[in-house]
């Protein structure tokens, strides 16, 4: 059984990004990235600060636009539209989730696709679905990288993805399908989940439910990718997988923390550089 070192894999990606950023700067340009955060959700504030530190480390200039939790939908949409049409802004991210009363899908539609570094606009989803991917959600890219870097065969493999969010579940299902895997996308309405996970060569869990995947639900030699981030009563962070028992049956497994998370940030940086170079167009 191998435990994935997400930090080590992320470091390789970040070093590559840093080299690309240095080339852009030496050529007399700069990369400007803007994150928009609404309200003061502690988790969102923490995530944005981590992104800011990561950008600073590689030479990307990041601006944080903080909007009050009571901002109107129209004002939020207008801010994103303004940034989209600012020629000096190369990448835009809307930190999710939004406060109650705001429609994230509507707001994201005001981000032009080639600056959508989270890969969440309808256009970028369409490119991904038609296997012409441009800017792809960062966590999905991180998962694919973990599998490929560890030599996990994808073609013809049975994959069960648990969770159908636009940020993880749906995009990773599309991405792995494009790599010729046979993907089952399970969710809260799925009947007999164990029948799907038991037959899977690879299980990816992104449901936000601690301990959702237990050892009796997987076969020996399974590859398990845990995307869940949950906080226990004593303040500890855990994933969606019962790591202690599942790891005894898995051939490869990601820990929480230190697994997928670092790669999500690394591929955000990569997407920002891609957007700056116009590859998202």
C-alpha atoms as a PDB file:
ATOM      1  CA  UNK A   1       0.000   0.000   0.000  1.00  0.00           C
ATOM      2  CA  UNK A   2       1.296   3.422  -0.998  1.00  0.00           C
ATOM      3  CA  UNK A   3       0.227   6.656   0.666  1.00  0.00           C
ATOM      4  CA  UNK A   4       0.335   9.581  -1.753  1.00  0.00           C
ATOM      5  CA  UNK A   5       2.558  12.505  -0.775  1.00  0.00           C
ATOM      6  CA  UNK A   6       0.489  15.329  -2.255  1.00  0.00           C
ATOM      7  CA  UNK A   7       2.896  17.988  -1.035  1.00  0.00           C
ATOM      8  CA  UNK A   8       5.811  16.454  -2.929  1.00  0.00           C
ATOM      9  CA  UNK A   9       3.789  16.154  -6.144  1.00  0.00           C
ATOM     10  CA  UNK A  10       2.530  19.718  -5.753  1.00  0.00           C
ATOM     11  CA  UNK A  11       6.061  21.013  -5.245  1.00  0.00           C
ATOM     12  CA  UNK A  12       7.040  19.696  -8.685  1.00  0.00           C
ATOM     13  CA  UNK A  13       4.104  21.490 -10.315  1.00  0.00           C
ATOM     14  CA  UNK A  14       4.813  24.704  -8.398  1.00  0.00           C
ATOM     15  CA  UNK A  15       8.482  24.702  -9.443  1.00  0.00           C
ATOM     16  CA  UNK A  16       7.422  24.368 -13.069  1.00  0.00           C
ATOM     17  CA  UNK A  17       4.941  27.234 -12.659  1.00  0.00           C
ATOM     18  CA  UNK A  18       7.586  29.393 -10.996  1.00  0.00           C
ATOM     19  CA  UNK A  19       9.878  28.883 -13.996  1.00  0.00           C
ATOM     20  CA  UNK A  20       7.082  29.870 -16.399  1.00  0.00           C
ATOM     21  CA  UNK A  21       6.244  32.965 -14.334  1.00  0.00           C
ATOM     22  CA  UNK A  22       9.906  34.030 -14.308  1.00  0.00           C
ATOM     23  CA  UNK A  23      10.023  33.803 -18.108  1.00  0.00           C
ATOM     24  CA  UNK A  24       6.930  36.002 -18.390  1.00  0.00           C
ATOM     25  CA  UNK A  25       8.402  38.563 -15.987  1.00  0.00           C
ATOM     26  CA  UNK A  26      11.780  38.583 -17.771  1.00  0.00           C
ATOM     27  CA  UNK A  27       9.910  39.368 -20.986  1.00  0.00           C
ATOM     28  CA  UNK A  28       8.578  42.524 -19.345  1.00  0.00           C
ATOM     29  CA  UNK A  29       5.101  41.335 -18.429  1.00  0.00           C
ATOM     30  CA  UNK A  30       3.384  40.327 -15.203  1.00  0.00           C
ATOM     31  CA  UNK A  31       0.561  38.062 -14.147  1.00  0.00           C
ATOM     32  CA  UNK A  32      -2.378  39.611 -12.329  1.00  0.00           C
ATOM     33  CA  UNK A  33      -4.927  37.379 -10.656  1.00  0.00           C
ATOM     34  CA  UNK A  34      -8.006  38.490  -8.709  1.00  0.00           C
ATOM     35  CA  UNK A  35     -10.012  36.505  -6.176  1.00  0.00           C
ATOM     36  CA  UNK A  36     -13.451  37.763  -5.187  1.00  0.00           C
ATOM     37  CA  UNK A  37     -14.712  36.786  -1.749  1.00  0.00           C
ATOM     38  CA  UNK A  38     -18.174  37.602  -0.421  1.00  0.00           C
ATOM     39  CA  UNK A  39     -18.779  37.816   3.329  1.00  0.00           C
ATOM     40  CA  UNK A  40     -16.501  36.578   6.091  1.00  0.00           C
ATOM     41  CA  UNK A  41     -16.913  32.801   6.079  1.00  0.00           C
ATOM     42  CA  UNK A  42     -13.833  31.630   8.081  1.00  0.00           C
ATOM     43  CA  UNK A  43     -13.099  28.688   5.774  1.00  0.00           C
ATOM     44  CA  UNK A  44     -13.299  30.896   2.675  1.00  0.00           C
ATOM     45  CA  UNK A  45     -11.058  33.527   4.250  1.00  0.00           C
ATOM     46  CA  UNK A  46      -8.519  30.805   5.074  1.00  0.00           C
ATOM     47  CA  UNK A  47      -8.616  29.337   1.565  1.00  0.00           C
ATOM     48  CA  UNK A  48      -8.093  32.749  -0.020  1.00  0.00           C
ATOM     49  CA  UNK A  49      -5.150  33.491   2.262  1.00  0.00           C
ATOM     50  CA  UNK A  50      -3.548  30.169   1.258  1.00  0.00           C
ATOM     51  CA  UNK A  51      -3.996  31.044  -2.403  1.00  0.00           C
ATOM     52  CA  UNK A  52      -2.485  34.469  -1.780  1.00  0.00           C
ATOM     53  CA  UNK A  53       0.600  32.923  -0.162  1.00  0.00           C
ATOM     54  CA  UNK A  54       0.977  30.442  -3.025  1.00  0.00           C
ATOM     55  CA  UNK A  55       0.742  33.220  -5.639  1.00  0.00           C
ATOM     56  CA  UNK A  56       3.274  35.310  -3.764  1.00  0.00           C
ATOM     57  CA  UNK A  57       5.716  32.388  -3.679  1.00  0.00           C
ATOM     58  CA  UNK A  58       5.754  32.008  -7.469  1.00  0.00           C
ATOM     59  CA  UNK A  59       5.618  35.687  -8.431  1.00  0.00           C
ATOM     60  CA  UNK A  60       1.948  36.017  -9.401  1.00  0.00           C
ATOM     61  CA  UNK A  61       0.342  39.287  -8.318  1.00  0.00           C
ATOM     62  CA  UNK A  62      -2.905  38.495  -6.543  1.00  0.00           C
ATOM     63  CA  UNK A  63      -5.582  41.003  -5.590  1.00  0.00           C
ATOM     64  CA  UNK A  64      -8.407  40.136  -3.205  1.00  0.00           C
ATOM     65  CA  UNK A  65     -11.725  41.911  -3.714  1.00  0.00           C
ATOM     66  CA  UNK A  66     -13.787  41.575  -0.545  1.00  0.00           C
ATOM     67  CA  UNK A  67     -17.517  42.225  -0.818  1.00  0.00           C
ATOM     68  CA  UNK A  68     -19.922  42.464   2.105  1.00  0.00           C
ATOM     69  CA  UNK A  69     -22.094  39.442   2.805  1.00  0.00           C
ATOM     70  CA  UNK A  70     -25.168  41.541   2.066  1.00  0.00           C
ATOM     71  CA  UNK A  71     -24.041  42.476  -1.458  1.00  0.00           C
ATOM     72  CA  UNK A  72     -26.750  42.199  -4.092  1.00  0.00           C
ATOM     73  CA  UNK A  73     -26.609  39.723  -6.941  1.00  0.00           C
ATOM     74  CA  UNK A  74     -26.453  42.592  -9.419  1.00  0.00           C
ATOM     75  CA  UNK A  75     -23.501  44.226  -7.653  1.00  0.00           C
ATOM     76  CA  UNK A  76     -21.611  40.925  -7.555  1.00  0.00           C
ATOM     77  CA  UNK A  77     -22.339  40.247 -11.211  1.00  0.00           C
ATOM     78  CA  UNK A  78     -21.203  43.749 -12.140  1.00  0.00           C
ATOM     79  CA  UNK A  79     -17.913  43.367 -10.255  1.00  0.00           C
ATOM     80  CA  UNK A  80     -17.137  40.108 -12.041  1.00  0.00           C
ATOM     81  CA  UNK A  81     -18.058  41.660 -15.382  1.00  0.00           C
ATOM     82  CA  UNK A  82     -15.813  44.636 -14.638  1.00  0.00           C
ATOM     83  CA  UNK A  83     -12.869  42.346 -13.869  1.00  0.00           C
ATOM     84  CA  UNK A  84     -13.598  40.271 -16.959  1.00  0.00           C
ATOM     85  CA  UNK A  85     -13.243  43.346 -19.140  1.00  0.00           C
ATOM     86  CA  UNK A  86     -10.145  44.673 -17.375  1.00  0.00           C
ATOM     87  CA  UNK A  87      -7.243  43.962 -19.741  1.00  0.00           C
ATOM     88  CA  UNK A  88      -4.805  43.958 -16.820  1.00  0.00           C
ATOM     89  CA  UNK A  89      -6.625  41.123 -15.038  1.00  0.00           C
ATOM     90  CA  UNK A  90      -5.556  37.749 -16.406  1.00  0.00           C
ATOM     91  CA  UNK A  91      -7.413  35.356 -14.116  1.00  0.00           C
ATOM     92  CA  UNK A  92     -10.525  35.558 -11.931  1.00  0.00           C
ATOM     93  CA  UNK A  93     -11.791  33.302  -9.159  1.00  0.00           C
ATOM     94  CA  UNK A  94     -15.034  33.597  -7.218  1.00  0.00           C
ATOM     95  CA  UNK A  95     -14.529  31.979  -3.815  1.00  0.00           C
ATOM     96  CA  UNK A  96     -17.322  29.547  -3.027  1.00  0.00           C
ATOM     97  CA  UNK A  97     -19.673  28.959  -1.316  1.00  0.00           C
ATOM     98  CA  UNK A  98     -21.540  32.251  -1.504  1.00  0.00           C
ATOM     99  CA  UNK A  99     -23.792  33.505   1.298  1.00  0.00           C
ATOM    100  CA  UNK A 100     -27.452  32.503   1.167  1.00  0.00           C
ATOM    101  CA  UNK A 101     -29.463  34.485  -1.336  1.00  0.00           C
ATOM    102  CA  UNK A 102     -26.745  34.690  -3.978  1.00  0.00           C
ATOM    103  CA  UNK A 103     -26.730  32.501  -7.082  1.00  0.00           C
ATOM    104  CA  UNK A 104     -23.230  31.190  -7.772  1.00  0.00           C
ATOM    105  CA  UNK A 105     -24.055  29.853 -11.230  1.00  0.00           C
ATOM    106  CA  UNK A 106     -25.415  33.228 -12.318  1.00  0.00           C
ATOM    107  CA  UNK A 107     -22.416  35.076 -10.895  1.00  0.00           C
ATOM    108  CA  UNK A 108     -19.896  32.753 -12.560  1.00  0.00           C
ATOM    109  CA  UNK A 109     -21.554  33.375 -15.929  1.00  0.00           C
ATOM    110  CA  UNK A 110     -20.193  36.935 -15.735  1.00  0.00           C
ATOM    111  CA  UNK A 111     -16.607  35.658 -15.782  1.00  0.00           C
ATOM    112  CA  UNK A 112     -15.282  35.382 -19.334  1.00  0.00           C
ATOM    113  CA  UNK A 113     -14.207  31.774 -20.016  1.00  0.00           C
ATOM    114  CA  UNK A 114     -10.553  32.529 -20.795  1.00  0.00           C
ATOM    115  CA  UNK A 115     -10.114  34.137 -17.343  1.00  0.00           C
ATOM    116  CA  UNK A 116     -12.090  31.455 -15.491  1.00  0.00           C
ATOM    117  CA  UNK A 117      -9.183  29.816 -13.637  1.00  0.00           C
ATOM    118  CA  UNK A 118     -11.553  27.576 -11.650  1.00  0.00           C
ATOM    119  CA  UNK A 119     -12.939  26.142 -14.898  1.00  0.00           C
ATOM    120  CA  UNK A 120     -16.541  26.553 -13.738  1.00  0.00           C
ATOM    121  CA  UNK A 121     -18.190  28.526 -16.537  1.00  0.00           C
ATOM    122  CA  UNK A 122     -20.663  26.717 -18.778  1.00  0.00           C
ATOM    123  CA  UNK A 123     -18.310  27.234 -21.718  1.00  0.00           C
ATOM    124  CA  UNK A 124     -15.348  25.594 -19.996  1.00  0.00           C
ATOM    125  CA  UNK A 125     -17.541  22.697 -18.875  1.00  0.00           C
ATOM    126  CA  UNK A 126     -18.620  22.326 -22.476  1.00  0.00           C
ATOM    127  CA  UNK A 127     -15.038  22.194 -23.707  1.00  0.00           C
ATOM    128  CA  UNK A 128     -14.283  19.533 -21.102  1.00  0.00           C
ATOM    129  CA  UNK A 129     -17.341  17.483 -22.048  1.00  0.00           C
ATOM    130  CA  UNK A 130     -16.366  17.529 -25.736  1.00  0.00           C
ATOM    131  CA  UNK A 131     -12.779  16.545 -24.896  1.00  0.00           C
ATOM    132  CA  UNK A 132     -11.415  19.929 -25.979  1.00  0.00           C
ATOM    133  CA  UNK A 133     -10.482  20.951 -22.439  1.00  0.00           C
ATOM    134  CA  UNK A 134      -9.147  24.459 -21.878  1.00  0.00           C
ATOM    135  CA  UNK A 135      -9.366  25.611 -18.261  1.00  0.00           C
ATOM    136  CA  UNK A 136     -10.313  22.619 -16.089  1.00  0.00           C
ATOM    137  CA  UNK A 137     -11.342  22.655 -12.392  1.00  0.00           C
ATOM    138  CA  UNK A 138      -8.156  22.463 -10.333  1.00  0.00           C
ATOM    139  CA  UNK A 139      -9.060  19.563  -8.053  1.00  0.00           C
ATOM    140  CA  UNK A 140      -9.970  17.376 -11.042  1.00  0.00           C
ATOM    141  CA  UNK A 141      -6.563  18.131 -12.566  1.00  0.00           C
ATOM    142  CA  UNK A 142      -4.919  17.284  -9.249  1.00  0.00           C
ATOM    143  CA  UNK A 143      -6.670  13.910  -9.067  1.00  0.00           C
ATOM    144  CA  UNK A 144      -5.679  13.035 -12.626  1.00  0.00           C
ATOM    145  CA  UNK A 145      -2.079  13.997 -11.876  1.00  0.00           C
ATOM    146  CA  UNK A 146      -1.982  11.793  -8.766  1.00  0.00           C
ATOM    147  CA  UNK A 147      -3.205   8.809 -10.763  1.00  0.00           C
ATOM    148  CA  UNK A 148      -0.843   9.364 -13.679  1.00  0.00           C
ATOM    149  CA  UNK A 149       2.191  10.168 -11.517  1.00  0.00           C
ATOM    150  CA  UNK A 150       1.687   6.884  -9.666  1.00  0.00           C
ATOM    151  CA  UNK A 151       1.344   4.854 -12.831  1.00  0.00           C
ATOM    152  CA  UNK A 152      -2.318   4.000 -12.312  1.00  0.00           C
ATOM    153  CA  UNK A 153      -3.848   2.590 -15.488  1.00  0.00           C
ATOM    154  CA  UNK A 154      -6.998   4.478 -16.515  1.00  0.00           C
ATOM    155  CA  UNK A 155      -8.067   2.961 -19.824  1.00  0.00           C
ATOM    156  CA  UNK A 156     -10.709   0.310 -19.242  1.00  0.00           C
ATOM    157  CA  UNK A 157     -10.698   0.712 -15.462  1.00  0.00           C
ATOM    158  CA  UNK A 158     -13.912   0.925 -13.461  1.00  0.00           C
ATOM    159  CA  UNK A 159     -14.055   4.189 -11.536  1.00  0.00           C
ATOM    160  CA  UNK A 160     -16.658   5.169  -8.970  1.00  0.00           C
ATOM    161  CA  UNK A 161     -16.867   8.877  -8.207  1.00  0.00           C
ATOM    162  CA  UNK A 162     -18.948   9.690  -5.126  1.00  0.00           C
ATOM    163  CA  UNK A 163     -20.264  13.261  -5.230  1.00  0.00           C
ATOM    164  CA  UNK A 164     -21.522  15.192  -8.255  1.00  0.00           C
ATOM    165  CA  UNK A 165     -20.449  18.775  -7.529  1.00  0.00           C
ATOM    166  CA  UNK A 166     -19.388  21.064 -10.363  1.00  0.00           C
ATOM    167  CA  UNK A 167     -16.088  21.604  -8.569  1.00  0.00           C
ATOM    168  CA  UNK A 168     -14.988  17.962  -8.228  1.00  0.00           C
ATOM    169  CA  UNK A 169     -17.376  15.129  -9.077  1.00  0.00           C
ATOM    170  CA  UNK A 170     -18.652  16.103 -12.507  1.00  0.00           C
ATOM    171  CA  UNK A 171     -15.378  17.455 -13.921  1.00  0.00           C
ATOM    172  CA  UNK A 172     -13.267  14.525 -12.714  1.00  0.00           C
ATOM    173  CA  UNK A 173     -15.833  12.104 -14.179  1.00  0.00           C
ATOM    174  CA  UNK A 174     -15.544  13.871 -17.544  1.00  0.00           C
ATOM    175  CA  UNK A 175     -11.755  14.029 -17.336  1.00  0.00           C
ATOM    176  CA  UNK A 176     -11.352  10.331 -16.577  1.00  0.00           C
ATOM    177  CA  UNK A 177     -13.893   9.394 -19.241  1.00  0.00           C
ATOM    178  CA  UNK A 178     -11.714  11.274 -21.725  1.00  0.00           C
ATOM    179  CA  UNK A 179      -8.872   9.003 -20.581  1.00  0.00           C
ATOM    180  CA  UNK A 180     -10.989   5.948 -21.452  1.00  0.00           C
ATOM    181  CA  UNK A 181     -12.019   4.945 -17.939  1.00  0.00           C
ATOM    182  CA  UNK A 182     -15.527   3.589 -17.318  1.00  0.00           C
ATOM    183  CA  UNK A 183     -16.986   6.009 -14.795  1.00  0.00           C
ATOM    184  CA  UNK A 184     -19.956   5.701 -12.451  1.00  0.00           C
ATOM    185  CA  UNK A 185     -20.991   9.017 -10.908  1.00  0.00           C
ATOM    186  CA  UNK A 186     -22.686   8.253  -7.586  1.00  0.00           C
ATOM    187  CA  UNK A 187     -24.493  10.720  -5.330  1.00  0.00           C
ATOM    188  CA  UNK A 188     -26.916  11.061  -2.435  1.00  0.00           C
ATOM    189  CA  UNK A 189     -29.755   9.431  -4.418  1.00  0.00           C
ATOM    190  CA  UNK A 190     -27.697   6.442  -5.563  1.00  0.00           C
ATOM    191  CA  UNK A 191     -29.166   3.119  -4.475  1.00  0.00           C
ATOM    192  CA  UNK A 192     -26.904   0.427  -3.011  1.00  0.00           C
ATOM    193  CA  UNK A 193     -23.740   2.486  -3.196  1.00  0.00           C
ATOM    194  CA  UNK A 194     -21.685  -0.512  -2.055  1.00  0.00           C
ATOM    195  CA  UNK A 195     -22.537  -2.367  -5.280  1.00  0.00           C
ATOM    196  CA  UNK A 196     -20.795   0.380  -7.240  1.00  0.00           C
ATOM    197  CA  UNK A 197     -17.786   0.828  -4.966  1.00  0.00           C
ATOM    198  CA  UNK A 198     -17.182  -2.941  -4.593  1.00  0.00           C
ATOM    199  CA  UNK A 199     -16.752  -3.292  -8.371  1.00  0.00           C
ATOM    200  CA  UNK A 200     -14.526  -0.225  -8.743  1.00  0.00           C
ATOM    201  CA  UNK A 201     -10.801  -0.350  -9.432  1.00  0.00           C
ATOM    202  CA  UNK A 202     -10.599   3.327  -8.439  1.00  0.00           C
ATOM    203  CA  UNK A 203     -12.863   5.111  -5.943  1.00  0.00           C
ATOM    204  CA  UNK A 204     -12.876   8.913  -5.695  1.00  0.00           C
ATOM    205  CA  UNK A 205     -14.805  10.339  -2.751  1.00  0.00           C
ATOM    206  CA  UNK A 206     -15.890  13.982  -2.646  1.00  0.00           C
ATOM    207  CA  UNK A 207     -19.102  13.983  -0.623  1.00  0.00           C
ATOM    208  CA  UNK A 208     -18.243  15.900   2.534  1.00  0.00           C
ATOM    209  CA  UNK A 209     -19.268  13.035   4.842  1.00  0.00           C
ATOM    210  CA  UNK A 210     -16.662  11.750   7.322  1.00  0.00           C
ATOM    211  CA  UNK A 211     -16.108   8.003   7.156  1.00  0.00           C
ATOM    212  CA  UNK A 212     -18.481   7.539   4.229  1.00  0.00           C
ATOM    213  CA  UNK A 213     -16.227   4.966   2.554  1.00  0.00           C
ATOM    214  CA  UNK A 214     -15.444   1.993   4.789  1.00  0.00           C
ATOM    215  CA  UNK A 215     -13.333  -1.115   4.199  1.00  0.00           C
ATOM    216  CA  UNK A 216     -16.329  -3.376   3.536  1.00  0.00           C
ATOM    217  CA  UNK A 217     -17.231  -1.181   0.550  1.00  0.00           C
ATOM    218  CA  UNK A 218     -14.046  -1.765  -1.471  1.00  0.00           C
ATOM    219  CA  UNK A 219     -12.121  -4.664  -2.923  1.00  0.00           C
ATOM    220  CA  UNK A 220      -8.501  -5.541  -2.272  1.00  0.00           C
ATOM    221  CA  UNK A 221      -6.032  -3.523  -4.346  1.00  0.00           C
ATOM    222  CA  UNK A 222      -8.385  -0.593  -4.906  1.00  0.00           C
ATOM    223  CA  UNK A 223      -7.030   2.893  -5.552  1.00  0.00           C
ATOM    224  CA  UNK A 224      -8.709   5.442  -3.265  1.00  0.00           C
ATOM    225  CA  UNK A 225      -8.664   9.216  -3.711  1.00  0.00           C
ATOM    226  CA  UNK A 226     -10.152  11.117  -0.765  1.00  0.00           C
ATOM    227  CA  UNK A 227     -11.178  14.690  -1.570  1.00  0.00           C
ATOM    228  CA  UNK A 228     -13.243  15.256   1.563  1.00  0.00           C
ATOM    229  CA  UNK A 229     -12.251  17.905   4.085  1.00  0.00           C
ATOM    230  CA  UNK A 230     -14.205  17.667   7.315  1.00  0.00           C
ATOM    231  CA  UNK A 231     -13.565  18.959  10.815  1.00  0.00           C
ATOM    232  CA  UNK A 232     -14.237  16.640  13.750  1.00  0.00           C
ATOM    233  CA  UNK A 233     -15.638  17.657  17.127  1.00  0.00           C
ATOM    234  CA  UNK A 234     -12.126  17.963  18.552  1.00  0.00           C
ATOM    235  CA  UNK A 235     -11.012  20.235  15.708  1.00  0.00           C
ATOM    236  CA  UNK A 236      -9.052  17.649  13.723  1.00  0.00           C
ATOM    237  CA  UNK A 237      -9.336  17.440   9.934  1.00  0.00           C
ATOM    238  CA  UNK A 238     -10.441  14.211   8.285  1.00  0.00           C
ATOM    239  CA  UNK A 239     -11.607  13.068   4.883  1.00  0.00           C
ATOM    240  CA  UNK A 240     -14.580  11.079   3.627  1.00  0.00           C
ATOM    241  CA  UNK A 241     -12.696   7.773   3.896  1.00  0.00           C
ATOM    242  CA  UNK A 242     -12.199   5.630   6.984  1.00  0.00           C
ATOM    243  CA  UNK A 243      -8.452   5.780   6.382  1.00  0.00           C
ATOM    244  CA  UNK A 244      -7.455   3.332   9.119  1.00  0.00           C
ATOM    245  CA  UNK A 245      -9.405   0.409   7.683  1.00  0.00           C
ATOM    246  CA  UNK A 246      -9.565   1.242   3.952  1.00  0.00           C
ATOM    247  CA  UNK A 247      -5.801   1.771   3.734  1.00  0.00           C
ATOM    248  CA  UNK A 248      -5.303  -1.902   4.683  1.00  0.00           C
ATOM    249  CA  UNK A 249      -7.061  -2.978   1.477  1.00  0.00           C
ATOM    250  CA  UNK A 250      -5.933  -0.215  -0.882  1.00  0.00           C
ATOM    251  CA  UNK A 251      -2.942  -0.395  -3.206  1.00  0.00           C
ATOM    252  CA  UNK A 252      -2.798   3.427  -3.283  1.00  0.00           C
ATOM    253  CA  UNK A 253      -4.576   5.970  -1.080  1.00  0.00           C
ATOM    254  CA  UNK A 254      -4.478   9.709  -0.448  1.00  0.00           C
ATOM    255  CA  UNK A 255      -4.378  11.057   3.112  1.00  0.00           C
ATOM    256  CA  UNK A 256      -6.318  14.033   4.471  1.00  0.00           C
ATOM    257  CA  UNK A 257      -4.710  16.450   4.895  1.00  0.00           C
ATOM    258  CA  UNK A 258      -1.684  16.312   2.596  1.00  0.00           C
ATOM    259  CA  UNK A 259      -3.190  14.422  -0.324  1.00  0.00           C
ATOM    260  CA  UNK A 260      -5.311  16.139  -2.975  1.00  0.00           C
ATOM    261  CA  UNK A 261      -5.391  19.577  -1.303  1.00  0.00           C
ATOM    262  CA  UNK A 262      -1.850  20.739  -2.159  1.00  0.00           C
ATOM    263  CA  UNK A 263      -2.359  19.774  -5.793  1.00  0.00           C
ATOM    264  CA  UNK A 264      -5.562  21.821  -6.027  1.00  0.00           C
ATOM    265  CA  UNK A 265      -3.552  24.941  -5.181  1.00  0.00           C
ATOM    266  CA  UNK A 266      -0.713  23.933  -7.517  1.00  0.00           C
ATOM    267  CA  UNK A 267      -3.055  23.525 -10.476  1.00  0.00           C
ATOM    268  CA  UNK A 268      -4.775  26.805  -9.677  1.00  0.00           C
ATOM    269  CA  UNK A 269      -1.382  28.477 -10.177  1.00  0.00           C
ATOM    270  CA  UNK A 270      -0.927  26.517 -13.391  1.00  0.00           C
ATOM    271  CA  UNK A 271      -4.358  27.613 -14.650  1.00  0.00           C
ATOM    272  CA  UNK A 272      -3.555  31.254 -13.855  1.00  0.00           C
ATOM    273  CA  UNK A 273      -0.416  31.058 -16.003  1.00  0.00           C
ATOM    274  CA  UNK A 274      -2.385  29.310 -18.751  1.00  0.00           C
ATOM    275  CA  UNK A 275      -4.994  32.085 -18.671  1.00  0.00           C
ATOM    276  CA  UNK A 276      -2.286  34.755 -18.822  1.00  0.00           C
ATOM    277  CA  UNK A 277      -0.778  33.133 -21.894  1.00  0.00           C
ATOM    278  CA  UNK A 278      -4.178  33.089 -23.565  1.00  0.00           C
ATOM    279  CA  UNK A 279      -4.425  29.312 -23.628  1.00  0.00           C
ATOM    280  CA  UNK A 280      -7.889  29.525 -22.146  1.00  0.00           C
ATOM    281  CA  UNK A 281      -9.136  31.177 -25.340  1.00  0.00           C
END
